[in-house]
Amino acid sequence: LEMSFVEQEDVFQAVEPVIGGVFEEFSKHTLEKPFIRLTYDNAMLYYGTDKPDLRNPIKLADLTDIFDGAGFSIFANLIKNKHAVVKGIPGPKCGSRSVADRMNSWAQGEGAPGMGYIIFGDGEAKGPVAGALGQEKSNEIKVRLGLDDGDAAFFACSTNKEAAELASKARIKIGNDQNISEKYGFKFCWIV
């Protein structure tokens, strides 16, 4: 495109009908318009990437403040000494040890040392992270991630870039494994 004397909104108004028309004509899928608009910061915060697959409803959360100086010393030390961040990944329907172990093994296959987790069930938080943090902080994580009993929370702790990359991949994996991501269609967005 070459446009003169335009604002951001003018670009949106010129491009959306063209992109929408092409996809609707050739893929037979209707696109939601106007396209969703996300700031770059929000895309990185909620999805860990500036190319989010919005067919997956899972949103990440920054939980660094909960782990900073807390009883889970592995994360607390990384935050203090390496300026690490903790990205929380909701795990709907992932509240079992077998799923948590599979996610941990998967994270190791991605080059991470592992992936912390908390399993929520019967009104309490379970697992090594929950044991070190205590029920109050574990429940705060449950609320922030919008989880219920039968769900799990997973954690990526590293530099902001590395934690975001692992959390973004984990978000996609959980969405596909738990069959909560839409498999067909398109959801476009503008990163602004």
Protein backbone atom coordinates (compact mmCIF):
# COMPACT_ATOMS: atom_id res chain seq x y z
CA LEU A 1 0.00 0.00 0.00
CA GLU A 2 1.05 3.52 -0.65
CA MET A 3 -1.14 6.08 1.05
CA SER A 4 -0.57 9.75 1.76
CA PHE A 5 -1.72 11.84 4.69
CA VAL A 6 -3.41 8.96 6.49
CA GLU A 7 -3.87 7.95 10.09
CA GLN A 8 -3.79 4.44 11.52
CA GLU A 9 -7.59 4.20 11.28
CA ASP A 10 -7.46 4.96 7.55
CA VAL A 11 -5.19 1.96 7.01
CA PHE A 12 -7.55 -0.26 8.99
CA GLN A 13 -10.54 0.95 6.95
CA ALA A 14 -8.73 0.34 3.65
CA VAL A 15 -7.27 -3.08 4.47
CA GLU A 16 -10.01 -4.88 6.44
CA PRO A 17 -12.56 -5.03 3.59
CA VAL A 18 -9.92 -6.32 1.17
CA ILE A 19 -8.50 -9.00 3.48
CA GLY A 20 -11.98 -9.91 4.71
CA GLY A 21 -13.34 -10.13 1.18
CA VAL A 22 -10.51 -12.36 -0.03
CA PHE A 23 -10.84 -14.79 2.87
CA GLU A 24 -14.61 -14.91 2.70
CA GLU A 25 -14.62 -15.51 -1.05
CA PHE A 26 -11.82 -18.07 -1.26
CA SER A 27 -12.02 -19.85 2.10
CA LYS A 28 -15.76 -19.58 2.67
CA HIS A 29 -15.08 -18.40 6.23
CA THR A 30 -16.58 -15.22 7.59
CA LEU A 31 -14.19 -12.99 9.49
CA GLU A 32 -15.13 -11.03 12.59
CA LYS A 33 -14.91 -7.34 11.74
CA PRO A 34 -13.61 -4.99 12.74
CA PHE A 35 -10.48 -7.01 13.41
CA ILE A 36 -9.51 -7.21 17.07
CA ARG A 37 -6.94 -4.58 18.05
CA LEU A 38 -4.25 -5.40 20.56
CA THR A 39 -1.40 -3.29 21.74
CA TYR A 40 1.97 -4.94 21.36
CA ASP A 41 2.35 -4.95 25.17
CA ASN A 42 -1.01 -6.70 25.67
CA ALA A 43 -0.26 -9.25 22.95
CA MET A 44 3.00 -10.13 24.71
CA LEU A 45 1.35 -10.13 28.17
CA TYR A 46 -1.67 -12.29 27.30
CA TYR A 47 -0.28 -14.47 24.51
CA GLY A 48 3.52 -14.33 24.77
CA THR A 49 3.82 -13.42 21.09
CA ASP A 50 2.97 -10.63 18.68
CA LYS A 51 1.37 -13.26 16.40
CA PRO A 52 -1.30 -14.69 18.72
CA ASP A 53 -3.66 -17.46 17.64
CA LEU A 54 -6.90 -16.01 18.97
CA ARG A 55 -8.82 -19.21 18.22
CA ASN A 56 -7.35 -20.35 21.55
CA PRO A 57 -9.16 -18.69 24.50
CA ILE A 58 -6.30 -19.16 27.00
CA LYS A 59 -4.68 -15.96 28.25
CA LEU A 60 -1.35 -15.86 30.07
CA ALA A 61 -0.72 -13.77 33.19
CA ASP A 62 2.39 -12.24 34.74
CA LEU A 63 2.68 -13.78 38.21
CA THR A 64 6.14 -12.48 39.08
CA ASP A 65 4.81 -10.46 42.02
CA ILE A 66 3.35 -13.57 43.67
CA PHE A 67 6.62 -15.51 43.45
CA ASP A 68 8.95 -12.60 44.29
CA GLY A 69 10.37 -13.32 47.76
CA ALA A 70 7.92 -16.19 48.29
CA GLY A 71 8.53 -19.68 49.60
CA PHE A 72 9.16 -21.29 46.21
CA SER A 73 12.88 -20.53 46.33
CA ILE A 74 13.78 -21.69 42.81
CA PHE A 75 11.64 -18.95 41.25
CA ALA A 76 12.25 -16.41 44.02
CA ASN A 77 16.04 -16.70 43.53
CA LEU A 78 15.77 -16.39 39.75
CA ILE A 79 13.62 -13.28 40.16
CA LYS A 80 16.03 -11.75 42.67
CA ASN A 81 19.34 -12.67 41.05
CA LYS A 82 18.56 -12.90 37.33
CA HIS A 83 15.62 -10.47 37.02
CA ALA A 84 13.48 -13.37 35.81
CA VAL A 85 9.74 -13.17 35.30
CA VAL A 86 7.06 -15.78 35.92
CA LYS A 87 4.43 -16.34 33.26
CA GLY A 88 1.33 -18.21 34.40
CA ILE A 89 -0.40 -20.49 31.90
CA PRO A 90 -3.95 -21.62 32.73
CA GLY A 91 -4.54 -25.32 32.25
CA PRO A 92 -8.28 -25.91 31.92
CA LYS A 93 -9.14 -29.58 32.55
CA CYS A 94 -5.44 -30.30 33.24
CA GLY A 95 -5.82 -31.04 36.96
CA SER A 96 -4.07 -34.40 37.14
CA ARG A 97 -0.54 -35.45 37.92
CA SER A 98 -0.23 -37.30 34.61
CA VAL A 99 -1.05 -34.14 32.61
CA ALA A 100 1.34 -32.10 34.79
CA ASP A 101 4.12 -34.66 34.25
CA ARG A 102 3.51 -34.65 30.48
CA MET A 103 3.69 -30.84 30.41
CA ASN A 104 6.93 -30.93 32.41
CA SER A 105 8.45 -33.47 30.00
CA TRP A 106 7.23 -31.44 27.04
CA ALA A 107 8.88 -28.27 28.47
CA GLN A 108 12.17 -30.15 28.86
CA GLY A 109 11.89 -31.19 25.21
CA GLU A 110 11.55 -27.49 24.38
CA GLY A 111 14.89 -26.80 26.09
CA ALA A 112 13.53 -25.55 29.43
CA PRO A 113 14.61 -27.13 32.72
CA GLY A 114 10.97 -28.01 33.34
CA MET A 115 7.66 -26.40 34.08
CA GLY A 116 6.27 -25.73 37.53
CA TYR A 117 2.61 -26.47 38.18
CA ILE A 118 -0.19 -26.38 40.71
CA ILE A 119 -3.13 -28.77 40.52
CA PHE A 120 -6.46 -27.51 41.87
CA GLY A 121 -8.98 -29.98 43.25
CA ASP A 122 -11.33 -30.50 46.18
CA GLY A 123 -10.96 -26.85 47.14
CA GLU A 124 -7.21 -27.01 47.63
CA ALA A 125 -4.00 -26.51 45.69
CA LYS A 126 -1.63 -29.46 45.35
CA GLY A 127 1.92 -30.05 44.17
CA PRO A 128 5.43 -28.90 45.11
CA VAL A 129 4.84 -25.29 44.07
CA ALA A 130 1.63 -25.08 46.11
CA GLY A 131 3.38 -26.65 49.09
CA ALA A 132 6.11 -24.02 49.00
CA LEU A 133 3.83 -21.04 48.27
CA GLY A 134 1.01 -21.96 50.64
CA GLN A 135 -2.73 -22.03 50.04
CA GLU A 136 -3.27 -18.26 50.13
CA LYS A 137 -0.84 -17.45 47.29
CA SER A 138 -1.93 -20.57 45.40
CA ASN A 139 -5.54 -19.42 45.60
CA GLU A 140 -4.51 -15.98 44.35
CA ILE A 141 -3.00 -17.69 41.30
CA LYS A 142 -6.23 -19.67 40.83
CA VAL A 143 -8.26 -16.45 40.85
CA ARG A 144 -5.90 -14.51 38.56
CA LEU A 145 -5.87 -17.30 36.00
CA GLY A 146 -9.64 -17.86 36.24
CA LEU A 147 -9.29 -21.52 37.20
CA ASP A 148 -11.62 -24.00 38.92
CA ASP A 149 -11.19 -27.33 40.65
CA GLY A 150 -10.05 -29.86 38.07
CA ASP A 151 -7.76 -27.28 36.43
CA ALA A 152 -4.04 -26.66 36.76
CA ALA A 153 -1.69 -23.70 36.54
CA PHE A 154 1.65 -24.02 34.78
CA PHE A 155 4.60 -21.65 35.13
CA ALA A 156 7.49 -20.52 32.96
CA CYS A 157 10.23 -18.69 34.87
CA SER A 158 13.16 -17.19 32.98
CA THR A 159 14.10 -14.01 31.18
CA ASN A 160 11.08 -12.18 29.82
CA LYS A 161 11.81 -13.37 26.28
CA GLU A 162 12.39 -17.03 27.20
CA ALA A 163 9.43 -17.20 29.59
CA ALA A 164 7.14 -15.61 26.99
CA GLU A 165 8.28 -18.04 24.28
CA LEU A 166 7.74 -21.12 26.45
CA ALA A 167 4.41 -19.85 27.83
CA SER A 168 3.17 -19.05 24.32
CA LYS A 169 4.00 -22.56 23.11
CA ALA A 170 2.47 -24.11 26.24
CA ARG A 171 -0.72 -22.10 25.70
CA ILE A 172 -1.06 -23.53 22.18
CA LYS A 173 -0.25 -27.07 23.36
CA ILE A 174 -2.83 -26.97 26.16
CA GLY A 175 -5.47 -25.49 23.85
CA ASN A 176 -4.92 -28.27 21.31
CA ASP A 177 -4.49 -31.11 23.83
CA GLN A 178 -7.62 -30.14 25.76
CA ASN A 179 -9.57 -29.50 22.57
CA ILE A 180 -10.54 -25.95 23.54
CA SER A 181 -8.99 -24.19 20.55
CA GLU A 182 -11.09 -23.66 17.46
CA LYS A 183 -9.57 -25.78 14.73
CA TYR A 184 -11.13 -24.09 11.71
CA GLY A 185 -11.62 -20.54 10.66
CA PHE A 186 -9.62 -17.41 11.17
CA LYS A 187 -9.44 -14.66 13.78
CA PHE A 188 -7.54 -11.65 12.58
CA CYS A 189 -6.12 -8.92 14.73
CA TRP A 190 -4.10 -5.78 14.42
CA ILE A 191 -1.09 -5.41 16.70
CA VAL A 192 -0.79 -1.68 17.33
